[in-house]
Amino acid sequence: MTNYEDIPALMADIGARAKRAAARLAHAKPEEKRAALTTAADCVISRKNEIMEANARDLEYAREKGLSTAMLDRLTLDEGRLADIAKGLRAVAAQDDPVGEVIAEWDRPTGLHIQRVRTPLGVVGVIYESRPNVTADAGALCLKSGNAVILRGGSESFHSSQEIHACLLEGLRAAGLPEDAVQLVPTRDRAAVSEMLTMINTIDVIVPRGGKGLVSLVQAEARVPVFAHLEGIVHIYVDKAADPEKALRVVLNAKTRRPGICGAAECLLIHTDVADTIGQGVIRALIDAGVEVRADTALQSVAGTVAADKDDWGREYLDMIIAARVVDDIDGAIAHVRRYGSGHTDCIVTEDDSAAAHFFERLDSAILMRNSSTQFADGGEFGMGAEIGIATGKMHARGPVGAAQLTSFKYLVTSDGATRDG
């Protein structure tokens, strides 16, 4: 790793180059962006051995640091995951270009014709931990939306991110677009993060992608606007009208498919009427699958559970652990989610349409689901090709942040010489 003694100067230079590149990207042709992303996807496949060798170095470093099993899973790349990265790049390439899209248009009695059209934000800063695939996802989505991007990956994924970034650069070169459009901060020094948070003259928005510590730091110290991305304290409520088979299938997948992602279920709420039937069956299945179930008093009679304490509610485990409790009714479940949730993703399992409508109406999480695994809380699964994160704030972007959410808008006003009276 190269040592950089003057981090402020390094970041100022990166920011200035990103701003110049953003001016070019704002009017890049859709076919240029498609070509860049398609070439990058091809490069990921052709350089898979080099990427996996770099990933092996990162995994060794991460094990020495004592990262958890879940975090190691986030970091790990194999042929299947590299194929998914390439697939995501191609999916973003194939989407309609959002830049210049007419969102709305109308005429005024004064003779004005007004259009609201999508326009790039400018320069996006992305700060993320562990997951090297974010390098590709964020780079692709920012390019597609006409934004330059400054990527600051986690120290654990340093070498993997460099290799993936090299593929993005190959795509930019092939398409004749500026390489400075996608820059990767070339140092693990944490001072680079602090600099990014104050680069108000060159960065238009910061997107944090990581755990509570990172997001809290960014929100506390950033002078640049931030797309909020809080913890994934994801709840599944099993209603009294739940289908037993669906409940079992959905909960098991939501918890065990990949417990280290932000869409993994962290708390199971069970209606008291089905606690001794569906609830016990689901809990036993979780335990059989290797999940530690931290249960409230009403569920501790199920063999293999451990007693939950007050700190188990509102906790993101990112591991094979789930909290579970019985609630009196759907409003009890809603009250629990309001108190302990993070506004990320919450799910109801029910065959009762009115119960589902009530759940959807009374909660305001960025993503609400019915009879569906919360592991689908992902931009790729939403048809966006990829995501730069799940935004839990309510200003501008919310939910999976894809290319369209990385744009603002401007008004184009035309007339035949209209003048204003008075």
Protein backbone atom coordinates (compact mmCIF):
# COMPACT_ATOMS: atom_id res chain seq x y z
CA MET A 1 0.00 0.00 0.00
CA THR A 2 1.30 3.43 -0.90
CA ASN A 3 1.76 5.82 2.00
CA TYR A 4 0.38 9.32 1.56
CA GLU A 5 1.71 11.86 4.03
CA ASP A 6 -0.49 14.75 2.96
CA ILE A 7 -4.02 13.30 3.01
CA PRO A 8 -5.78 16.70 2.68
CA ALA A 9 -3.80 17.44 -0.50
CA LEU A 10 -4.50 13.95 -1.86
CA MET A 11 -8.24 14.26 -1.28
CA ALA A 12 -8.39 17.82 -2.62
CA ASP A 13 -6.78 16.61 -5.84
CA ILE A 14 -9.18 13.65 -6.09
CA GLY A 15 -12.13 15.98 -5.52
CA ALA A 16 -11.03 18.49 -8.14
CA ARG A 17 -10.52 15.76 -10.73
CA ALA A 18 -13.91 14.24 -9.89
CA LYS A 19 -15.62 17.59 -10.37
CA ARG A 20 -14.05 18.02 -13.81
CA ALA A 21 -15.07 14.49 -14.77
CA ALA A 22 -18.63 15.12 -13.56
CA ALA A 23 -18.95 18.02 -16.02
CA ARG A 24 -18.15 15.61 -18.88
CA LEU A 25 -20.37 12.81 -17.58
CA ALA A 26 -23.38 15.10 -17.28
CA HIS A 27 -23.71 15.04 -21.08
CA ALA A 28 -22.21 11.61 -21.83
CA LYS A 29 -24.22 9.67 -24.37
CA PRO A 30 -26.22 6.66 -23.14
CA GLU A 31 -24.29 4.38 -25.51
CA GLU A 32 -20.98 5.56 -24.05
CA LYS A 33 -22.08 4.65 -20.54
CA ARG A 34 -23.46 1.31 -21.71
CA ALA A 35 -20.18 0.49 -23.44
CA ALA A 36 -18.14 1.38 -20.35
CA LEU A 37 -20.22 -0.83 -18.08
CA THR A 38 -20.34 -3.76 -20.50
CA THR A 39 -16.58 -3.69 -20.93
CA ALA A 40 -16.15 -3.52 -17.15
CA ALA A 41 -18.37 -6.59 -16.77
CA ASP A 42 -16.30 -8.50 -19.32
CA CYS A 43 -13.16 -7.48 -17.45
CA VAL A 44 -14.47 -8.80 -14.12
CA ILE A 45 -14.88 -12.23 -15.71
CA SER A 46 -11.59 -12.22 -17.61
CA ARG A 47 -9.67 -11.08 -14.50
CA LYS A 48 -11.49 -13.34 -12.03
CA ASN A 49 -8.27 -15.11 -10.99
CA GLU A 50 -6.51 -11.83 -10.19
CA ILE A 51 -9.56 -10.57 -8.27
CA MET A 52 -9.83 -13.75 -6.20
CA GLU A 53 -6.09 -13.69 -5.46
CA ALA A 54 -6.48 -10.13 -4.19
CA ASN A 55 -9.53 -11.23 -2.19
CA ALA A 56 -7.50 -14.02 -0.56
CA ARG A 57 -5.04 -11.37 0.67
CA ASP A 58 -7.91 -9.32 2.06
CA LEU A 59 -9.42 -12.35 3.82
CA GLU A 60 -6.09 -13.13 5.46
CA TYR A 61 -5.85 -9.53 6.68
CA ALA A 62 -9.45 -9.64 7.93
CA ARG A 63 -8.91 -12.88 9.87
CA GLU A 64 -5.85 -11.35 11.52
CA LYS A 65 -8.06 -8.42 12.57
CA GLY A 66 -10.57 -10.86 14.07
CA LEU A 67 -13.55 -10.07 11.85
CA SER A 68 -16.72 -12.03 12.58
CA THR A 69 -17.92 -14.88 10.40
CA ALA A 70 -20.68 -12.68 9.01
CA MET A 71 -18.24 -9.91 8.07
CA LEU A 72 -15.92 -12.45 6.45
CA ASP A 73 -18.87 -13.65 4.40
CA ARG A 74 -19.52 -10.09 3.24
CA LEU A 75 -15.90 -9.82 2.18
CA THR A 76 -15.56 -13.16 0.40
CA LEU A 77 -15.58 -13.34 -3.39
CA ASP A 78 -15.84 -16.54 -5.42
CA GLU A 79 -16.69 -17.33 -9.02
CA GLY A 80 -20.40 -17.19 -8.32
CA ARG A 81 -20.23 -13.78 -6.66
CA LEU A 82 -17.98 -12.42 -9.39
CA ALA A 83 -20.50 -13.65 -11.94
CA ASP A 84 -23.17 -11.77 -9.99
CA ILE A 85 -21.04 -8.60 -10.04
CA ALA A 86 -20.67 -8.86 -13.80
CA LYS A 87 -24.38 -9.58 -14.15
CA GLY A 88 -25.17 -6.48 -12.10
CA LEU A 89 -22.91 -4.31 -14.26
CA ARG A 90 -24.65 -5.56 -17.40
CA ALA A 91 -28.08 -5.05 -15.84
CA VAL A 92 -27.28 -1.42 -15.02
CA ALA A 93 -25.86 -0.96 -18.53
CA ALA A 94 -29.08 -2.26 -20.08
CA GLN A 95 -31.39 0.05 -18.15
CA ASP A 96 -32.86 3.22 -19.60
CA ASP A 97 -30.64 6.22 -19.04
CA PRO A 98 -32.22 8.43 -16.35
CA VAL A 99 -30.39 11.63 -17.32
CA GLY A 100 -32.64 13.94 -19.28
CA GLU A 101 -35.78 11.92 -18.54
CA VAL A 102 -38.85 14.15 -18.49
CA ILE A 103 -40.48 13.55 -15.11
CA ALA A 104 -43.40 15.90 -15.74
CA GLU A 105 -44.41 18.64 -18.14
CA TRP A 106 -47.24 21.13 -18.34
CA ASP A 107 -48.40 24.34 -19.98
CA ARG A 108 -49.32 27.59 -18.28
CA PRO A 109 -51.92 30.16 -19.42
CA THR A 110 -49.04 32.63 -19.80
CA GLY A 111 -47.67 30.61 -22.72
CA LEU A 112 -44.92 28.89 -20.79
CA HIS A 113 -44.20 25.21 -21.44
CA ILE A 114 -42.44 23.72 -18.40
CA GLN A 115 -40.58 20.42 -18.15
CA ARG A 116 -39.08 18.84 -15.03
CA VAL A 117 -36.14 16.68 -16.15
CA ARG A 118 -33.64 14.47 -14.36
CA THR A 119 -30.12 15.79 -13.97
CA PRO A 120 -27.04 14.32 -12.21
CA LEU A 121 -26.21 15.28 -8.65
CA GLY A 122 -22.56 15.90 -9.60
CA VAL A 123 -19.99 14.10 -7.43
CA VAL A 124 -21.02 11.30 -5.09
CA GLY A 125 -18.80 10.12 -2.24
CA VAL A 126 -19.34 6.52 -1.12
CA ILE A 127 -17.82 5.27 2.14
CA TYR A 128 -18.26 1.57 2.73
CA GLU A 129 -17.03 -1.39 4.75
CA SER A 130 -15.93 -4.91 3.84
CA ARG A 131 -18.09 -5.62 0.79
CA PRO A 132 -15.92 -5.25 -2.33
CA ASN A 133 -18.95 -5.66 -4.61
CA VAL A 134 -19.99 -2.15 -3.56
CA THR A 135 -17.05 -0.90 -5.64
CA ALA A 136 -18.76 -2.22 -8.76
CA ASP A 137 -22.33 -1.40 -7.72
CA ALA A 138 -21.61 2.18 -6.70
CA GLY A 139 -19.31 2.82 -9.63
CA ALA A 140 -21.88 1.50 -12.10
CA LEU A 141 -24.86 3.36 -10.69
CA CYS A 142 -23.04 6.66 -10.43
CA LEU A 143 -21.76 6.35 -13.98
CA LYS A 144 -25.22 5.44 -15.28
CA SER A 145 -26.73 8.48 -13.56
CA GLY A 146 -24.05 10.82 -14.94
CA ASN A 147 -22.27 11.32 -11.62
CA ALA A 148 -18.58 11.12 -10.86
CA VAL A 149 -17.88 9.03 -7.76
CA ILE A 150 -15.18 8.90 -5.11
CA LEU A 151 -15.06 5.45 -3.52
CA ARG A 152 -13.53 4.90 -0.11
CA GLY A 153 -13.73 1.16 0.56
CA GLY A 154 -13.11 -0.62 3.83
CA SER A 155 -9.55 -1.44 4.81
CA GLU A 156 -10.46 -5.14 4.78
CA SER A 157 -11.44 -5.06 1.08
CA PHE A 158 -8.54 -2.86 -0.03
CA HIS A 159 -6.95 -5.20 -2.60
CA SER A 160 -10.23 -6.66 -3.89
CA SER A 161 -11.64 -3.20 -4.46
CA GLN A 162 -8.52 -2.14 -6.35
CA GLU A 163 -8.89 -5.03 -8.77
CA ILE A 164 -12.58 -4.35 -9.36
CA HIS A 165 -11.86 -0.65 -9.74
CA ALA A 166 -9.28 -1.50 -12.42
CA CYS A 167 -12.08 -3.15 -14.42
CA LEU A 168 -14.23 -0.02 -14.16
CA LEU A 169 -11.29 2.04 -15.42
CA GLU A 170 -10.84 -0.31 -18.36
CA GLY A 171 -14.47 0.26 -19.25
CA LEU A 172 -14.13 4.04 -19.04
CA ARG A 173 -11.04 4.01 -21.26
CA ALA A 174 -12.74 1.79 -23.83
CA ALA A 175 -15.73 4.15 -23.99
CA GLY A 176 -13.65 7.31 -24.20
CA LEU A 177 -14.92 8.61 -20.85
CA PRO A 178 -12.65 10.23 -18.22
CA GLU A 179 -11.00 7.77 -15.84
CA ASP A 180 -11.47 10.30 -13.07
CA ALA A 181 -15.20 9.59 -13.25
CA VAL A 182 -14.68 6.64 -10.90
CA GLN A 183 -11.89 7.13 -8.37
CA LEU A 184 -10.90 4.81 -5.54
CA VAL A 185 -9.15 6.40 -2.55
CA PRO A 186 -5.71 4.75 -2.67
CA THR A 187 -5.04 4.57 1.06
CA ARG A 188 -6.39 2.84 4.16
CA ASP A 189 -5.70 5.95 6.24
CA ARG A 190 -8.91 6.92 8.07
CA ALA A 191 -8.01 10.57 7.65
CA ALA A 192 -9.28 10.25 4.08
CA VAL A 193 -12.78 9.62 5.42
CA SER A 194 -12.65 12.74 7.58
CA GLU A 195 -11.57 14.77 4.56
CA MET A 196 -14.41 13.46 2.40
CA LEU A 197 -16.97 14.49 5.00
CA THR A 198 -15.92 18.14 4.70
CA MET A 199 -15.32 18.44 0.93
CA ILE A 200 -18.30 20.74 0.40
CA ASN A 201 -16.79 22.35 -2.69
CA THR A 202 -16.36 19.13 -4.64
CA ILE A 203 -18.64 16.41 -3.21
CA ASP A 204 -22.40 16.88 -3.55
CA VAL A 205 -23.60 13.98 -1.41
CA ILE A 206 -22.11 11.25 0.81
CA VAL A 207 -23.49 7.72 0.91
CA PRO A 208 -22.32 5.64 3.91
CA ARG A 209 -22.61 1.89 3.46
CA GLY A 210 -21.74 -0.01 6.61
CA GLY A 211 -22.49 -0.63 10.26
CA LYS A 212 -23.84 1.63 12.96
CA GLY A 213 -20.42 2.97 13.88
CA LEU A 214 -19.63 4.16 10.36
CA VAL A 215 -23.06 5.65 9.73
CA SER A 216 -23.08 7.44 13.09
CA LEU A 217 -19.64 8.90 12.38
CA VAL A 218 -20.71 10.14 8.96
CA GLN A 219 -23.94 11.68 10.21
CA ALA A 220 -22.20 13.36 13.14
CA GLU A 221 -19.25 14.82 11.25
CA ALA A 222 -20.37 15.36 7.66
CA ARG A 223 -20.70 18.86 6.31
CA VAL A 224 -21.69 17.37 2.97
CA PRO A 225 -25.33 16.21 2.63
CA VAL A 226 -25.80 12.52 3.51
CA PHE A 227 -28.15 9.81 2.26
CA ALA A 228 -29.03 8.22 5.60
CA HIS A 229 -28.49 4.47 5.77
CA LEU A 230 -29.23 3.23 9.26
CA GLU A 231 -28.94 -0.29 10.62
CA GLY A 232 -31.01 -3.10 9.21
CA ILE A 233 -33.00 -3.93 12.33
CA VAL A 234 -35.41 -6.03 10.32
CA HIS A 235 -38.60 -7.48 11.85
CA ILE A 236 -40.89 -10.26 10.70
CA TYR A 237 -44.33 -10.42 12.27
CA VAL A 238 -46.17 -13.76 12.06
CA ASP A 239 -49.84 -12.86 12.20
CA LYS A 240 -52.62 -15.05 13.57
CA ALA A 241 -53.77 -15.54 9.97
CA ALA A 242 -50.35 -16.67 8.73
CA ASP A 243 -49.99 -19.71 6.50
CA PRO A 244 -47.74 -22.15 8.44
CA GLU A 245 -45.73 -23.25 5.41
CA LYS A 246 -45.17 -19.71 4.17
CA ALA A 247 -44.17 -18.55 7.65
CA LEU A 248 -41.59 -21.33 7.95
CA ARG A 249 -40.17 -20.75 4.48
CA VAL A 250 -40.05 -16.95 4.71
CA VAL A 251 -38.55 -16.71 8.20
CA LEU A 252 -35.88 -19.35 7.59
CA ASN A 253 -34.75 -17.72 4.36
CA ALA A 254 -34.88 -14.21 5.84
CA LYS A 255 -32.57 -15.23 8.70
CA THR A 256 -30.28 -17.92 7.32
CA ARG A 257 -29.64 -17.29 3.62
CA ARG A 258 -27.02 -14.64 4.34
CA PRO A 259 -27.23 -13.47 7.96
CA GLY A 260 -24.58 -10.80 7.47
CA ILE A 261 -26.52 -8.56 5.07
CA CYS A 262 -28.67 -5.61 6.08
CA GLY A 263 -31.87 -7.31 4.87
CA ALA A 264 -31.46 -10.29 7.19
CA ALA A 265 -34.23 -10.71 9.78
CA GLU A 266 -33.11 -9.78 13.30
CA CYS A 267 -36.36 -9.99 15.29
CA LEU A 268 -39.32 -12.38 15.06
CA LEU A 269 -42.69 -11.24 16.40
CA ILE A 270 -45.42 -13.86 16.84
CA HIS A 271 -49.14 -13.33 17.46
CA THR A 272 -50.15 -14.91 20.76
CA ASP A 273 -52.87 -17.01 19.09
CA VAL A 274 -50.28 -18.95 17.06
CA ALA A 275 -47.36 -18.87 19.48
CA ASP A 276 -47.82 -22.52 20.47
CA THR A 277 -48.38 -23.74 16.91
CA ILE A 278 -46.80 -21.86 14.01
CA GLY A 279 -44.50 -19.94 16.36
CA GLN A 280 -43.02 -22.99 18.04
CA GLY A 281 -42.59 -24.72 14.69
CA VAL A 282 -40.70 -21.78 13.21
CA ILE A 283 -38.49 -21.43 16.29
CA ARG A 284 -37.60 -25.12 16.32
CA ALA A 285 -36.74 -24.91 12.62
CA LEU A 286 -34.48 -21.91 13.26
CA ILE A 287 -32.68 -23.74 16.05
CA ASP A 288 -32.29 -26.84 13.86
CA ALA A 289 -30.74 -24.60 11.21
CA GLY A 290 -28.11 -23.39 13.69
CA VAL A 291 -29.71 -20.11 14.70
CA GLU A 292 -29.46 -18.95 18.31
CA VAL A 293 -32.97 -17.84 19.29
CA ARG A 294 -33.07 -15.29 22.11
CA ALA A 295 -36.62 -15.66 23.32
CA ASP A 296 -38.91 -13.76 25.64
CA THR A 297 -40.53 -15.51 28.61
CA ALA A 298 -43.49 -16.76 26.58
CA LEU A 299 -41.23 -18.67 24.19
CA GLN A 300 -38.56 -20.00 26.51
CA SER A 301 -40.41 -23.29 26.88
CA VAL A 302 -39.16 -24.19 23.40
CA ALA A 303 -36.12 -26.40 23.91
CA GLY A 304 -32.88 -24.78 22.75
CA THR A 305 -33.86 -21.15 23.14
CA VAL A 306 -31.90 -18.79 25.36
CA ALA A 307 -33.42 -16.03 27.46
CA ALA A 308 -33.52 -12.63 25.78
CA ASP A 309 -32.59 -9.53 27.74
CA LYS A 310 -33.51 -5.90 27.18
CA ASP A 311 -30.53 -5.33 24.89
CA ASP A 312 -31.73 -7.95 22.40
CA TRP A 313 -34.57 -5.76 21.14
CA GLY A 314 -33.51 -3.25 18.51
CA ARG A 315 -30.25 -5.01 17.78
CA GLU A 316 -28.63 -5.79 14.43
CA TYR A 317 -26.82 -9.09 14.92
CA LEU A 318 -25.60 -9.72 11.36
CA ASP A 319 -25.08 -13.29 12.53
CA MET A 320 -26.98 -16.54 13.12
CA ILE A 321 -28.86 -14.98 16.02
CA ILE A 322 -32.46 -13.75 16.19
CA ALA A 323 -34.58 -12.24 18.96
CA ALA A 324 -38.14 -13.58 19.30
CA ARG A 325 -41.17 -12.48 21.29
CA VAL A 326 -44.92 -12.93 21.50
CA VAL A 327 -47.23 -9.95 20.92
CA ASP A 328 -50.90 -9.66 21.80
CA ASP A 329 -52.02 -8.52 18.36
CA ILE A 330 -50.97 -6.73 15.19
CA ASP A 331 -50.94 -3.37 16.95
CA GLY A 332 -48.56 -4.81 19.51
CA ALA A 333 -46.27 -5.84 16.67
CA ILE A 334 -46.51 -2.39 15.10
CA ALA A 335 -45.74 -0.73 18.43
CA HIS A 336 -42.65 -2.94 18.86
CA VAL A 337 -41.37 -2.11 15.36
CA ARG A 338 -41.94 1.61 15.93
CA ARG A 339 -39.97 1.47 19.16
CA TYR A 340 -37.08 -0.76 18.12
CA GLY A 341 -36.96 -0.67 14.31
CA SER A 342 -34.60 1.33 12.13
CA GLY A 343 -36.98 2.14 9.29
CA HIS A 344 -35.16 -0.24 6.92
CA THR A 345 -37.33 -3.29 6.13
CA ASP A 346 -40.18 -4.98 7.99
CA CYS A 347 -42.45 -7.85 6.98
CA ILE A 348 -45.84 -9.33 7.88
CA VAL A 349 -46.73 -12.96 7.21
CA THR A 350 -50.50 -13.21 6.86
CA GLU A 351 -53.33 -14.38 4.61
CA ASP A 352 -55.56 -11.57 5.90
CA ASP A 353 -55.65 -8.70 3.40
CA SER A 354 -56.97 -6.23 5.97
CA ALA A 355 -54.16 -7.12 8.40
CA ALA A 356 -51.56 -6.59 5.68
CA ALA A 357 -53.12 -3.25 4.72
CA HIS A 358 -53.12 -2.19 8.38
CA PHE A 359 -49.44 -3.13 8.75
CA PHE A 360 -48.50 -1.25 5.58
CA GLU A 361 -50.52 1.81 6.58
CA ARG A 362 -49.32 2.13 10.17
CA LEU A 363 -45.60 1.59 9.59
CA ASP A 364 -43.31 3.87 7.61
CA SER A 365 -40.22 1.76 6.99
CA ALA A 366 -38.46 2.33 3.68
CA ILE A 367 -39.48 -1.20 2.63
CA LEU A 368 -42.56 -3.08 3.85
CA MET A 369 -43.18 -6.65 2.75
CA ARG A 370 -45.90 -9.27 2.93
CA ASN A 371 -45.24 -13.02 2.79
CA SER A 372 -41.79 -12.34 1.33
CA SER A 373 -38.27 -12.95 2.57
CA THR A 374 -36.63 -9.74 3.69
CA GLN A 375 -33.49 -10.90 1.89
CA PHE A 376 -35.18 -9.38 -1.19
CA ALA A 377 -34.44 -5.90 0.26
CA ASP A 378 -31.90 -5.30 -2.47
CA GLY A 379 -31.74 -2.99 -5.46
CA GLY A 380 -30.84 -5.82 -7.80
CA GLU A 381 -33.92 -7.76 -6.72
CA PHE A 382 -36.01 -4.61 -7.22
CA GLY A 383 -34.94 -4.52 -10.86
CA MET A 384 -32.44 -1.68 -10.43
CA GLY A 385 -29.49 -3.81 -11.52
CA ALA A 386 -27.64 -2.92 -8.32
CA GLU A 387 -27.88 -0.52 -5.41
CA ILE A 388 -25.61 1.96 -3.74
CA GLY A 389 -27.36 1.28 -0.42
CA ILE A 390 -30.73 1.23 1.32
CA ALA A 391 -31.58 4.80 2.32
CA THR A 392 -33.69 5.03 5.47
CA GLY A 393 -34.03 8.81 5.48
CA LYS A 394 -37.04 10.65 4.09
CA MET A 395 -35.37 13.44 2.14
CA HIS A 396 -34.71 12.68 -1.52
CA ALA A 397 -33.63 9.02 -1.90
CA ARG A 398 -35.34 6.27 0.09
CA GLY A 399 -35.14 2.49 0.01
CA PRO A 400 -32.78 0.86 -2.53
CA VAL A 401 -30.81 3.68 -4.12
CA GLY A 402 -30.45 3.01 -7.83
CA ALA A 403 -29.45 5.22 -10.75
CA ALA A 404 -32.68 7.23 -10.82
CA GLN A 405 -32.36 8.05 -7.10
CA LEU A 406 -28.88 9.46 -7.78
CA THR A 407 -30.36 12.29 -9.83
CA SER A 408 -31.96 15.59 -8.98
CA PHE A 409 -34.02 17.60 -11.45
CA LYS A 410 -34.11 20.93 -13.18
CA TYR A 411 -36.82 22.86 -14.97
CA LEU A 412 -36.70 23.62 -18.67
CA VAL A 413 -38.99 26.53 -19.57
CA THR A 414 -39.83 27.57 -23.12
CA SER A 415 -42.32 29.95 -24.73
CA ASP A 416 -42.91 31.98 -27.86
CA GLY A 417 -41.68 35.26 -26.42
CA ALA A 418 -43.89 35.31 -23.32
CA THR A 419 -43.61 38.34 -21.00
CA ARG A 420 -45.01 38.87 -17.53
CA ASP A 421 -47.66 41.51 -16.93
CA GLY A 422 -47.33 44.15 -14.25
